[in-house]
């Protein structure tokens, strides 16, 4: 399905974004919520895309 290919692409893009966020993270203030909030959004998007792909594969609908 073409929509699953887009979802896989989004997972890759958000994975790259997480890596970039870890590179530019402020490690002096490591446990600050500002640091982890910037990483939380891509993680939640990856979880949403993976669950969406599983749903489409299980039910065959988009």
PDB file of N, CA and C in Angstrom:
ATOM      1  N   UNK A   1       0.842  -1.192   0.000  1.00  0.00           N
ATOM      2  CA  UNK A   1       0.000   0.000   0.000  1.00  0.00           C
ATOM      3  C   UNK A   1       0.881   1.247   0.000  1.00  0.00           C
ATOM      4  N   UNK A   2       0.466   2.210  -0.744  1.00  0.00           N
ATOM      5  CA  UNK A   2       1.236   3.447  -0.854  1.00  0.00           C
ATOM      6  C   UNK A   2       1.231   4.220   0.463  1.00  0.00           C
ATOM      7  N   UNK A   3       0.128   4.151   1.209  1.00  0.00           N
ATOM      8  CA  UNK A   3       0.063   4.911   2.461  1.00  0.00           C
ATOM      9  C   UNK A   3       1.002   4.326   3.508  1.00  0.00           C
ATOM     10  N   UNK A   4       1.215   3.001   3.480  1.00  0.00           N
ATOM     11  CA  UNK A   4       2.171   2.416   4.413  1.00  0.00           C
ATOM     12  C   UNK A   4       3.590   2.861   4.082  1.00  0.00           C
ATOM     13  N   UNK A   5       3.897   3.037   2.811  1.00  0.00           N
ATOM     14  CA  UNK A   5       5.226   3.524   2.431  1.00  0.00           C
ATOM     15  C   UNK A   5       5.462   4.924   2.974  1.00  0.00           C
ATOM     16  N   UNK A   6       4.435   5.742   2.960  1.00  0.00           N
ATOM     17  CA  UNK A   6       4.538   7.092   3.522  1.00  0.00           C
ATOM     18  C   UNK A   6       4.742   7.007   5.031  1.00  0.00           C
ATOM     19  N   UNK A   7       4.053   6.084   5.681  1.00  0.00           N
ATOM     20  CA  UNK A   7       4.219   5.922   7.125  1.00  0.00           C
ATOM     21  C   UNK A   7       5.618   5.444   7.476  1.00  0.00           C
ATOM     22  N   UNK A   8       6.156   4.515   6.676  1.00  0.00           N
ATOM     23  CA  UNK A   8       7.531   4.068   6.899  1.00  0.00           C
ATOM     24  C   UNK A   8       8.509   5.227   6.706  1.00  0.00           C
ATOM     25  N   UNK A   9       8.267   6.050   5.719  1.00  0.00           N
ATOM     26  CA  UNK A   9       9.108   7.217   5.479  1.00  0.00           C
ATOM     27  C   UNK A   9       9.047   8.178   6.668  1.00  0.00           C
ATOM     28  N   UNK A  10       7.863   8.391   7.217  1.00  0.00           N
ATOM     29  CA  UNK A  10       7.722   9.263   8.380  1.00  0.00           C
ATOM     30  C   UNK A  10       8.453   8.703   9.592  1.00  0.00           C
ATOM     31  N   UNK A  11       8.427   7.379   9.764  1.00  0.00           N
ATOM     32  CA  UNK A  11       9.163   6.770  10.870  1.00  0.00           C
ATOM     33  C   UNK A  11      10.651   7.051  10.722  1.00  0.00           C
ATOM     34  N   UNK A  12      11.178   6.918   9.516  1.00  0.00           N
ATOM     35  CA  UNK A  12      12.602   7.191   9.276  1.00  0.00           C
ATOM     36  C   UNK A  12      12.922   8.656   9.537  1.00  0.00           C
ATOM     37  N   UNK A  13      12.069   9.555   9.065  1.00  0.00           N
ATOM     38  CA  UNK A  13      12.301  10.995   9.264  1.00  0.00           C
ATOM     39  C   UNK A  13      12.294  11.338  10.755  1.00  0.00           C
ATOM     40  N   UNK A  14      11.331  10.811  11.500  1.00  0.00           N
ATOM     41  CA  UNK A  14      11.278  11.104  12.939  1.00  0.00           C
ATOM     42  C   UNK A  14      12.424  10.436  13.689  1.00  0.00           C
ATOM     43  N   UNK A  15      12.899   9.292  13.212  1.00  0.00           N
ATOM     44  CA  UNK A  15      14.078   8.673  13.813  1.00  0.00           C
ATOM     45  C   UNK A  15      15.311   9.535  13.629  1.00  0.00           C
ATOM     46  N   UNK A  16      15.470  10.094  12.440  1.00  0.00           N
ATOM     47  CA  UNK A  16      16.585  11.015  12.186  1.00  0.00           C
ATOM     48  C   UNK A  16      16.451  12.261  13.048  1.00  0.00           C
ATOM     49  N   UNK A  17      15.235  12.748  13.209  1.00  0.00           N
ATOM     50  CA  UNK A  17      15.004  13.919  14.052  1.00  0.00           C
ATOM     51  C   UNK A  17      15.386  13.649  15.505  1.00  0.00           C
ATOM     52  N   UNK A  18      15.104  12.450  16.010  1.00  0.00           N
ATOM     53  CA  UNK A  18      15.498  12.105  17.376  1.00  0.00           C
ATOM     54  C   UNK A  18      17.013  12.111  17.512  1.00  0.00           C
ATOM     55  N   UNK A  19      17.711  11.546  16.524  1.00  0.00           N
ATOM     56  CA  UNK A  19      19.173  11.539  16.566  1.00  0.00           C
ATOM     57  C   UNK A  19      19.718  12.959  16.566  1.00  0.00           C
ATOM     58  N   UNK A  20      19.158  13.826  15.742  1.00  0.00           N
ATOM     59  CA  UNK A  20      19.599  15.228  15.705  1.00  0.00           C
ATOM     60  C   UNK A  20      19.328  15.915  17.037  1.00  0.00           C
ATOM     61  N   UNK A  21      18.183  15.636  17.640  1.00  0.00           N
ATOM     62  CA  UNK A  21      17.870  16.237  18.944  1.00  0.00           C
ATOM     63  C   UNK A  21      18.852  15.779  20.014  1.00  0.00           C
ATOM     64  N   UNK A  22      19.264  14.498  19.978  1.00  0.00           N
ATOM     65  CA  UNK A  22      20.256  14.026  20.941  1.00  0.00           C
ATOM     66  C   UNK A  22      21.611  14.691  20.727  1.00  0.00           C
ATOM     67  N   UNK A  23      21.939  15.012  19.490  1.00  0.00           N
ATOM     68  CA  UNK A  23      23.209  15.689  19.203  1.00  0.00           C
ATOM     69  C   UNK A  23      23.202  17.099  19.782  1.00  0.00           C
ATOM     70  N   UNK A  24      22.103  17.807  19.620  1.00  0.00           N
ATOM     71  CA  UNK A  24      22.032  19.193  20.058  1.00  0.00           C
ATOM     72  C   UNK A  24      21.459  19.365  21.462  1.00  0.00           C
ATOM     73  N   UNK A  25      21.281  18.268  22.186  1.00  0.00           N
ATOM     74  CA  UNK A  25      20.703  18.342  23.529  1.00  0.00           C
ATOM     75  C   UNK A  25      21.667  19.036  24.496  1.00  0.00           C
ATOM     76  N   UNK A  26      21.111  19.769  25.431  1.00  0.00           N
ATOM     77  CA  UNK A  26      21.892  20.442  26.466  1.00  0.00           C
ATOM     78  C   UNK A  26      22.195  19.438  27.570  1.00  0.00           C
ATOM     79  N   UNK A  27      23.412  18.882  27.551  1.00  0.00           N
ATOM     80  CA  UNK A  27      23.757  17.842  28.514  1.00  0.00           C
ATOM     81  C   UNK A  27      24.139  18.406  29.879  1.00  0.00           C
ATOM     82  N   UNK A  28      24.334  19.701  29.981  1.00  0.00           N
ATOM     83  CA  UNK A  28      24.558  20.303  31.294  1.00  0.00           C
ATOM     84  C   UNK A  28      23.281  20.292  32.133  1.00  0.00           C
ATOM     85  N   UNK A  29      22.170  20.442  31.457  1.00  0.00           N
ATOM     86  CA  UNK A  29      20.863  20.438  32.110  1.00  0.00           C
ATOM     87  C   UNK A  29      20.071  19.236  31.591  1.00  0.00           C
ATOM     88  N   UNK A  30      20.622  18.036  31.781  1.00  0.00           N
ATOM     89  CA  UNK A  30      20.138  16.822  31.115  1.00  0.00           C
ATOM     90  C   UNK A  30      18.701  16.467  31.472  1.00  0.00           C
ATOM     91  N   UNK A  31      18.321  16.568  32.719  1.00  0.00           N
ATOM     92  CA  UNK A  31      16.989  16.127  33.137  1.00  0.00           C
ATOM     93  C   UNK A  31      15.937  17.218  33.063  1.00  0.00           C
ATOM     94  N   UNK A  32      16.243  18.312  32.416  1.00  0.00           N
ATOM     95  CA  UNK A  32      15.273  19.395  32.253  1.00  0.00           C
ATOM     96  C   UNK A  32      14.135  18.953  31.327  1.00  0.00           C
ATOM     97  N   UNK A  33      12.927  19.406  31.613  1.00  0.00           N
ATOM     98  CA  UNK A  33      11.795  19.010  30.791  1.00  0.00           C
ATOM     99  C   UNK A  33      11.899  19.592  29.391  1.00  0.00           C
ATOM    100  N   UNK A  34      12.628  20.701  29.224  1.00  0.00           N
ATOM    101  CA  UNK A  34      12.806  21.286  27.891  1.00  0.00           C
ATOM    102  C   UNK A  34      13.531  20.323  26.959  1.00  0.00           C
ATOM    103  N   UNK A  35      14.525  19.624  27.489  1.00  0.00           N
ATOM    104  CA  UNK A  35      15.259  18.661  26.675  1.00  0.00           C
ATOM    105  C   UNK A  35      14.371  17.504  26.251  1.00  0.00           C
ATOM    106  N   UNK A  36      13.653  16.953  27.190  1.00  0.00           N
ATOM    107  CA  UNK A  36      12.897  15.740  26.908  1.00  0.00           C
ATOM    108  C   UNK A  36      11.601  16.018  26.172  1.00  0.00           C
ATOM    109  N   UNK A  37      11.074  17.223  26.258  1.00  0.00           N
ATOM    110  CA  UNK A  37       9.860  17.551  25.520  1.00  0.00           C
ATOM    111  C   UNK A  37      10.127  17.588  24.017  1.00  0.00           C
ATOM    112  N   UNK A  38      11.326  18.029  23.626  1.00  0.00           N
ATOM    113  CA  UNK A  38      11.684  18.048  22.205  1.00  0.00           C
ATOM    114  C   UNK A  38      11.878  16.645  21.652  1.00  0.00           C
ATOM    115  N   UNK A  39      12.180  15.688  22.490  1.00  0.00           N
ATOM    116  CA  UNK A  39      12.353  14.306  22.039  1.00  0.00           C
ATOM    117  C   UNK A  39      11.039  13.537  22.139  1.00  0.00           C
ATOM    118  N   UNK A  40      10.165  13.960  23.023  1.00  0.00           N
ATOM    119  CA  UNK A  40       8.902  13.259  23.231  1.00  0.00           C
ATOM    120  C   UNK A  40       8.005  13.303  21.984  1.00  0.00           C
ATOM    121  N   UNK A  41       7.954  14.420  21.298  1.00  0.00           N
ATOM    122  CA  UNK A  41       7.085  14.549  20.126  1.00  0.00           C
ATOM    123  C   UNK A  41       7.449  13.566  19.012  1.00  0.00           C
ATOM    124  N   UNK A  42       8.718  13.445  18.593  1.00  0.00           N
ATOM    125  CA  UNK A  42       9.025  12.443  17.568  1.00  0.00           C
ATOM    126  C   UNK A  42       8.794  11.005  18.033  1.00  0.00           C
ATOM    127  N   UNK A  43       9.032  10.727  19.314  1.00  0.00           N
ATOM    128  CA  UNK A  43       8.800   9.375  19.833  1.00  0.00           C
ATOM    129  C   UNK A  43       7.318   9.028  19.748  1.00  0.00           C
ATOM    130  N   UNK A  44       6.468   9.963  20.119  1.00  0.00           N
ATOM    131  CA  UNK A  44       5.023   9.721  20.047  1.00  0.00           C
ATOM    132  C   UNK A  44       4.559   9.557  18.603  1.00  0.00           C
ATOM    133  N   UNK A  45       5.153  10.303  17.674  1.00  0.00           N
ATOM    134  CA  UNK A  45       4.792  10.150  16.266  1.00  0.00           C
ATOM    135  C   UNK A  45       5.218   8.785  15.727  1.00  0.00           C
ATOM    136  N   UNK A  46       6.384   8.301  16.147  1.00  0.00           N
ATOM    137  CA  UNK A  46       6.821   6.970  15.727  1.00  0.00           C
ATOM    138  C   UNK A  46       5.875   5.910  16.268  1.00  0.00           C
ATOM    139  N   UNK A  47       5.470   6.038  17.520  1.00  0.00           N
ATOM    140  CA  UNK A  47       4.521   5.083  18.108  1.00  0.00           C
ATOM    141  C   UNK A  47       3.196   5.110  17.353  1.00  0.00           C
ATOM    142  N   UNK A  48       2.725   6.288  16.994  1.00  0.00           N
ATOM    143  CA  UNK A  48       1.468   6.415  16.259  1.00  0.00           C
ATOM    144  C   UNK A  48       1.566   5.798  14.866  1.00  0.00           C
ATOM    145  N   UNK A  49       2.682   6.006  14.179  1.00  0.00           N
ATOM    146  CA  UNK A  49       2.847   5.446  12.835  1.00  0.00           C
ATOM    147  C   UNK A  49       2.955   3.921  12.875  1.00  0.00           C
ATOM    148  N   UNK A  50       3.678   3.383  13.849  1.00  0.00           N
ATOM    149  CA  UNK A  50       3.818   1.931  13.960  1.00  0.00           C
ATOM    150  C   UNK A  50       2.475   1.286  14.269  1.00  0.00           C
ATOM    151  N   UNK A  51       1.728   1.875  15.181  1.00  0.00           N
ATOM    152  CA  UNK A  51       0.411   1.309  15.499  1.00  0.00           C
ATOM    153  C   UNK A  51      -0.552   1.450  14.319  1.00  0.00           C
ATOM    154  N   UNK A  52      -0.430   2.515  13.548  1.00  0.00           N
ATOM    155  CA  UNK A  52      -1.266   2.691  12.364  1.00  0.00           C
ATOM    156  C   UNK A  52      -0.934   1.639  11.300  1.00  0.00           C
ATOM    157  N   UNK A  53       0.347   1.351  11.111  1.00  0.00           N
ATOM    158  CA  UNK A  53       0.748   0.326  10.151  1.00  0.00           C
ATOM    159  C   UNK A  53       0.238  -1.044  10.590  1.00  0.00           C
ATOM    160  N   UNK A  54       0.332  -1.343  11.873  1.00  0.00           N
ATOM    161  CA  UNK A  54      -0.175  -2.620  12.380  1.00  0.00           C
ATOM    162  C   UNK A  54      -1.685  -2.731  12.173  1.00  0.00           C
ATOM    163  N   UNK A  55      -2.395  -1.636  12.391  1.00  0.00           N
ATOM    164  CA  UNK A  55      -3.844  -1.636  12.203  1.00  0.00           C
ATOM    165  C   UNK A  55      -4.210  -1.894  10.745  1.00  0.00           C
ATOM    166  N   UNK A  56      -3.515  -1.229   9.830  1.00  0.00           N
ATOM    167  CA  UNK A  56      -3.796  -1.392   8.401  1.00  0.00           C
ATOM    168  C   UNK A  56      -3.470  -2.814   7.971  1.00  0.00           C
ATOM    169  N   UNK A  57      -2.363  -3.355   8.432  1.00  0.00           N
ATOM    170  CA  UNK A  57      -2.000  -4.717   8.049  1.00  0.00           C
ATOM    171  C   UNK A  57      -2.970  -5.748   8.619  1.00  0.00           C
ATOM    172  N   UNK A  58      -3.506  -5.492   9.806  1.00  0.00           N
ATOM    173  CA  UNK A  58      -4.428  -6.435  10.415  1.00  0.00           C
ATOM    174  C   UNK A  58      -5.820  -6.382   9.792  1.00  0.00           C
ATOM    175  N   UNK A  59      -6.327  -5.180   9.543  1.00  0.00           N
ATOM    176  CA  UNK A  59      -7.690  -5.023   9.078  1.00  0.00           C
ATOM    177  C   UNK A  59      -7.790  -4.801   7.575  1.00  0.00           C
ATOM    178  N   UNK A  60      -6.693  -4.473   6.921  1.00  0.00           N
ATOM    179  CA  UNK A  60      -6.716  -4.291   5.473  1.00  0.00           C
ATOM    180  C   UNK A  60      -7.433  -3.038   5.016  1.00  0.00           C
ATOM    181  N   UNK A  61      -7.581  -2.090   5.891  1.00  0.00           N
ATOM    182  CA  UNK A  61      -8.239  -0.839   5.523  1.00  0.00           C
ATOM    183  C   UNK A  61      -7.288   0.304   5.800  1.00  0.00           C
ATOM    184  N   UNK A  62      -7.594   1.434   5.231  1.00  0.00           N
ATOM    185  CA  UNK A  62      -6.699   2.562   5.378  1.00  0.00           C
ATOM    186  C   UNK A  62      -7.301   3.640   6.217  1.00  0.00           C
TER     187      UNK A  62
END
